[in-house]
């Protein structure tokens, strides 16, 4: 019985990414690179889903999702990105 290779989707919130390169440095498969000062999945097929980039990002700008699991996550309100700005505005 052959097992199908898992593939992953790289969700990058560009407005949060400051281009620090921490995620690029921690990626064990060199999947990520910086392009125009923002993180970019240059070789997404090499991703093993370790989520080191997601865990190490200080600005929560990158998220790794396994392809095909999006339908199951849609019912979970915690997975919805409401695009809350990183800074708080107080009146």
N, C-alpha and C. Protein backbone atom coordinates (compact mmCIF):
# COMPACT_ATOMS: atom_id res chain seq x y z
N UNK A 1 0.85 -1.17 0.00
CA UNK A 1 0.00 0.00 0.00
C UNK A 1 0.90 1.24 0.00
N UNK A 2 0.76 2.07 -1.00
CA UNK A 2 1.59 3.28 -1.08
C UNK A 2 0.88 4.44 -0.39
N UNK A 3 1.69 5.22 0.30
CA UNK A 3 1.16 6.36 1.04
C UNK A 3 1.42 7.63 0.24
N UNK A 4 0.40 8.46 0.09
CA UNK A 4 0.53 9.69 -0.68
C UNK A 4 1.27 10.74 0.15
N UNK A 5 2.20 11.45 -0.51
CA UNK A 5 2.97 12.49 0.16
C UNK A 5 2.06 13.65 0.54
N UNK A 6 2.18 14.12 1.77
CA UNK A 6 1.39 15.26 2.22
C UNK A 6 1.95 16.53 1.62
N UNK A 7 1.05 17.45 1.29
CA UNK A 7 1.49 18.75 0.78
C UNK A 7 0.90 19.84 1.66
N UNK A 8 1.59 20.97 1.70
CA UNK A 8 1.23 22.02 2.63
C UNK A 8 1.05 23.35 1.92
N UNK A 9 0.16 24.15 2.48
CA UNK A 9 -0.13 25.48 1.97
C UNK A 9 0.50 26.49 2.92
N UNK A 10 1.19 27.47 2.38
CA UNK A 10 1.86 28.51 3.17
C UNK A 10 1.02 29.79 3.09
N UNK A 11 0.38 30.13 4.21
CA UNK A 11 -0.44 31.33 4.28
C UNK A 11 0.43 32.43 4.88
N UNK A 12 0.68 33.48 4.09
CA UNK A 12 1.53 34.59 4.53
C UNK A 12 0.68 35.84 4.64
N UNK A 13 0.67 36.42 5.83
CA UNK A 13 -0.01 37.70 6.04
C UNK A 13 1.02 38.79 5.80
N UNK A 14 1.06 39.29 4.58
CA UNK A 14 2.11 40.21 4.16
C UNK A 14 2.13 41.50 4.96
N UNK A 15 0.98 41.95 5.43
CA UNK A 15 0.99 43.21 6.18
C UNK A 15 1.63 43.03 7.56
N UNK A 16 1.71 41.79 8.06
CA UNK A 16 2.38 41.53 9.33
C UNK A 16 3.87 41.25 9.15
N UNK A 17 4.26 40.72 8.00
CA UNK A 17 5.65 40.34 7.75
C UNK A 17 6.54 41.58 7.63
N UNK A 18 7.60 41.60 8.44
CA UNK A 18 8.54 42.72 8.37
C UNK A 18 9.84 42.32 7.67
N UNK A 19 9.90 41.10 7.16
CA UNK A 19 11.07 40.66 6.40
C UNK A 19 12.30 40.40 7.24
N UNK A 20 12.11 39.95 8.47
CA UNK A 20 13.25 39.72 9.37
C UNK A 20 14.08 38.50 8.98
N UNK A 21 13.48 37.53 8.28
CA UNK A 21 14.20 36.35 7.81
C UNK A 21 14.34 35.24 8.83
N UNK A 22 13.72 35.35 9.99
CA UNK A 22 13.81 34.30 11.00
C UNK A 22 13.21 32.99 10.48
N UNK A 23 12.06 33.08 9.83
CA UNK A 23 11.42 31.88 9.29
C UNK A 23 12.29 31.21 8.23
N UNK A 24 12.95 32.03 7.43
CA UNK A 24 13.84 31.51 6.38
C UNK A 24 15.00 30.76 7.01
N UNK A 25 15.56 31.31 8.08
CA UNK A 25 16.71 30.70 8.75
C UNK A 25 16.35 29.39 9.44
N UNK A 26 15.14 29.26 9.98
CA UNK A 26 14.75 28.07 10.71
C UNK A 26 14.18 26.96 9.83
N UNK A 27 13.87 27.23 8.59
CA UNK A 27 13.30 26.21 7.70
C UNK A 27 14.36 25.14 7.39
N UNK A 28 14.13 23.88 7.81
CA UNK A 28 15.15 22.84 7.59
C UNK A 28 15.29 22.41 6.14
N UNK A 29 14.31 22.69 5.31
CA UNK A 29 14.34 22.27 3.90
C UNK A 29 14.56 23.43 2.93
N UNK A 30 14.85 24.62 3.44
CA UNK A 30 15.07 25.82 2.62
C UNK A 30 13.92 26.08 1.65
N UNK A 31 12.70 25.95 2.17
CA UNK A 31 11.49 26.18 1.37
C UNK A 31 11.25 27.66 1.17
N UNK A 32 11.55 28.45 2.20
CA UNK A 32 11.22 29.88 2.21
C UNK A 32 12.38 30.75 1.77
N UNK A 33 12.03 31.91 1.23
CA UNK A 33 13.02 32.93 0.89
C UNK A 33 12.34 34.29 1.03
N UNK A 34 13.13 35.32 0.97
CA UNK A 34 12.58 36.68 1.01
C UNK A 34 12.50 37.22 -0.41
N UNK A 35 11.37 37.80 -0.73
CA UNK A 35 11.15 38.38 -2.06
C UNK A 35 10.51 39.75 -1.85
N UNK A 36 11.17 40.78 -2.28
CA UNK A 36 10.70 42.16 -2.09
C UNK A 36 10.47 42.48 -0.61
N UNK A 37 11.32 41.93 0.26
CA UNK A 37 11.23 42.23 1.68
C UNK A 37 10.16 41.47 2.44
N UNK A 38 9.55 40.46 1.82
CA UNK A 38 8.50 39.65 2.46
C UNK A 38 8.83 38.17 2.27
N UNK A 39 8.34 37.33 3.18
CA UNK A 39 8.58 35.90 3.07
C UNK A 39 7.77 35.32 1.91
N UNK A 40 8.35 34.33 1.24
CA UNK A 40 7.75 33.72 0.06
C UNK A 40 8.12 32.24 0.05
N UNK A 41 7.15 31.36 -0.21
CA UNK A 41 7.41 29.92 -0.31
C UNK A 41 7.95 29.63 -1.70
N UNK A 42 9.27 29.60 -1.82
CA UNK A 42 9.92 29.41 -3.11
C UNK A 42 9.84 27.96 -3.59
N UNK A 43 9.95 27.00 -2.66
CA UNK A 43 9.92 25.58 -3.01
C UNK A 43 8.89 24.85 -2.13
N UNK A 44 7.60 25.13 -2.30
CA UNK A 44 6.58 24.56 -1.40
C UNK A 44 6.50 23.03 -1.44
N UNK A 45 6.93 22.41 -2.52
CA UNK A 45 6.87 20.95 -2.62
C UNK A 45 7.84 20.27 -1.67
N UNK A 46 8.86 20.98 -1.21
CA UNK A 46 9.84 20.41 -0.29
C UNK A 46 9.41 20.48 1.17
N UNK A 47 8.34 21.20 1.46
CA UNK A 47 7.87 21.41 2.84
C UNK A 47 7.49 20.09 3.49
N UNK A 48 7.97 19.87 4.73
CA UNK A 48 7.65 18.65 5.48
C UNK A 48 6.60 18.90 6.57
N UNK A 49 6.14 20.15 6.68
CA UNK A 49 5.08 20.48 7.64
C UNK A 49 5.55 20.55 9.08
N UNK A 50 6.82 20.85 9.32
CA UNK A 50 7.33 20.91 10.69
C UNK A 50 6.83 22.16 11.44
N UNK A 51 6.42 23.17 10.70
CA UNK A 51 5.89 24.42 11.24
C UNK A 51 6.90 25.24 12.05
N UNK A 52 8.17 25.00 11.83
CA UNK A 52 9.20 25.79 12.53
C UNK A 52 9.09 27.27 12.15
N UNK A 53 8.77 27.55 10.91
CA UNK A 53 8.62 28.94 10.48
C UNK A 53 7.46 29.61 11.22
N UNK A 54 6.36 28.88 11.32
CA UNK A 54 5.18 29.40 12.00
C UNK A 54 5.45 29.62 13.49
N UNK A 55 6.14 28.70 14.11
CA UNK A 55 6.43 28.79 15.55
C UNK A 55 7.43 29.89 15.88
N UNK A 56 8.37 30.15 14.98
CA UNK A 56 9.43 31.12 15.25
C UNK A 56 9.13 32.54 14.80
N UNK A 57 8.09 32.72 14.00
CA UNK A 57 7.77 34.05 13.50
C UNK A 57 7.32 34.94 14.66
N UNK A 58 8.02 36.05 14.92
CA UNK A 58 7.65 36.91 16.04
C UNK A 58 6.37 37.72 15.79
N UNK A 59 5.93 37.81 14.55
CA UNK A 59 4.77 38.62 14.19
C UNK A 59 3.57 37.79 13.74
N UNK A 60 3.65 36.46 13.86
CA UNK A 60 2.55 35.56 13.46
C UNK A 60 2.14 35.82 12.02
N UNK A 61 3.11 36.03 11.15
CA UNK A 61 2.83 36.39 9.76
C UNK A 61 2.71 35.18 8.84
N UNK A 62 3.08 33.99 9.30
CA UNK A 62 3.03 32.81 8.44
C UNK A 62 2.30 31.69 9.16
N UNK A 63 1.53 30.94 8.36
CA UNK A 63 0.77 29.80 8.89
C UNK A 63 0.89 28.67 7.89
N UNK A 64 1.09 27.46 8.39
CA UNK A 64 1.21 26.29 7.54
C UNK A 64 -0.05 25.44 7.71
N UNK A 65 -0.67 25.09 6.60
CA UNK A 65 -1.87 24.26 6.61
C UNK A 65 -1.65 23.07 5.69
N UNK A 66 -2.12 21.91 6.13
CA UNK A 66 -2.04 20.74 5.28
C UNK A 66 -3.15 20.83 4.24
N UNK A 67 -2.81 20.63 2.99
CA UNK A 67 -3.81 20.70 1.93
C UNK A 67 -4.80 19.55 2.11
N UNK A 68 -6.08 19.87 1.95
CA UNK A 68 -7.13 18.87 2.10
C UNK A 68 -7.79 18.89 3.46
N UNK A 69 -7.21 19.60 4.42
CA UNK A 69 -7.80 19.68 5.75
C UNK A 69 -8.58 20.98 5.94
N UNK A 70 -8.65 21.82 4.95
CA UNK A 70 -9.33 23.11 5.05
C UNK A 70 -10.82 22.95 5.32
N UNK A 71 -11.45 21.91 4.77
CA UNK A 71 -12.88 21.72 4.97
C UNK A 71 -13.18 21.44 6.44
N UNK A 72 -12.37 20.63 7.09
CA UNK A 72 -12.58 20.29 8.49
C UNK A 72 -12.35 21.49 9.39
N UNK A 73 -11.42 22.35 9.04
CA UNK A 73 -11.10 23.52 9.87
C UNK A 73 -12.11 24.63 9.70
N UNK A 74 -12.87 24.63 8.61
CA UNK A 74 -13.80 25.73 8.35
C UNK A 74 -14.88 25.85 9.42
N UNK A 75 -15.21 24.74 10.06
CA UNK A 75 -16.25 24.77 11.09
C UNK A 75 -15.73 25.33 12.41
N UNK A 76 -14.43 25.42 12.57
CA UNK A 76 -13.82 25.90 13.81
C UNK A 76 -13.65 27.42 13.74
N UNK A 77 -14.34 28.13 14.61
CA UNK A 77 -14.27 29.60 14.61
C UNK A 77 -12.87 30.10 14.94
N UNK A 78 -12.07 29.30 15.62
CA UNK A 78 -10.71 29.70 15.98
C UNK A 78 -9.77 29.76 14.78
N UNK A 79 -10.16 29.16 13.67
CA UNK A 79 -9.29 29.16 12.50
C UNK A 79 -9.56 30.33 11.55
N UNK A 80 -10.54 31.15 11.86
CA UNK A 80 -10.89 32.27 11.00
C UNK A 80 -9.97 33.46 11.29
N UNK A 81 -9.40 34.04 10.25
CA UNK A 81 -8.54 35.21 10.40
C UNK A 81 -9.42 36.45 10.23
N UNK A 82 -9.66 37.15 11.30
CA UNK A 82 -10.50 38.33 11.25
C UNK A 82 -9.71 39.59 10.91
N UNK A 83 -8.45 39.43 10.61
CA UNK A 83 -7.55 40.52 10.22
C UNK A 83 -7.56 41.65 11.23
N UNK A 84 -7.36 41.30 12.48
CA UNK A 84 -7.25 42.29 13.52
C UNK A 84 -5.89 42.97 13.38
N UNK A 85 -5.86 44.29 13.34
CA UNK A 85 -4.57 44.96 13.18
C UNK A 85 -3.66 44.70 14.38
N UNK A 86 -2.34 44.63 14.16
CA UNK A 86 -1.44 44.33 15.25
C UNK A 86 -1.36 45.41 16.32
N UNK A 87 -1.71 46.63 15.98
CA UNK A 87 -1.69 47.72 16.97
C UNK A 87 -3.11 48.01 17.44
N UNK A 88 -3.23 48.39 18.68
CA UNK A 88 -4.54 48.71 19.24
C UNK A 88 -4.77 50.21 19.17
N UNK A 89 -5.97 50.61 18.84
CA UNK A 89 -6.32 52.01 18.78
C UNK A 89 -7.32 52.30 19.90
N UNK A 90 -6.90 53.10 20.85
CA UNK A 90 -7.75 53.44 21.98
C UNK A 90 -8.27 54.86 21.84
N UNK A 91 -9.54 55.04 22.14
CA UNK A 91 -10.13 56.38 22.03
C UNK A 91 -9.87 57.19 23.27
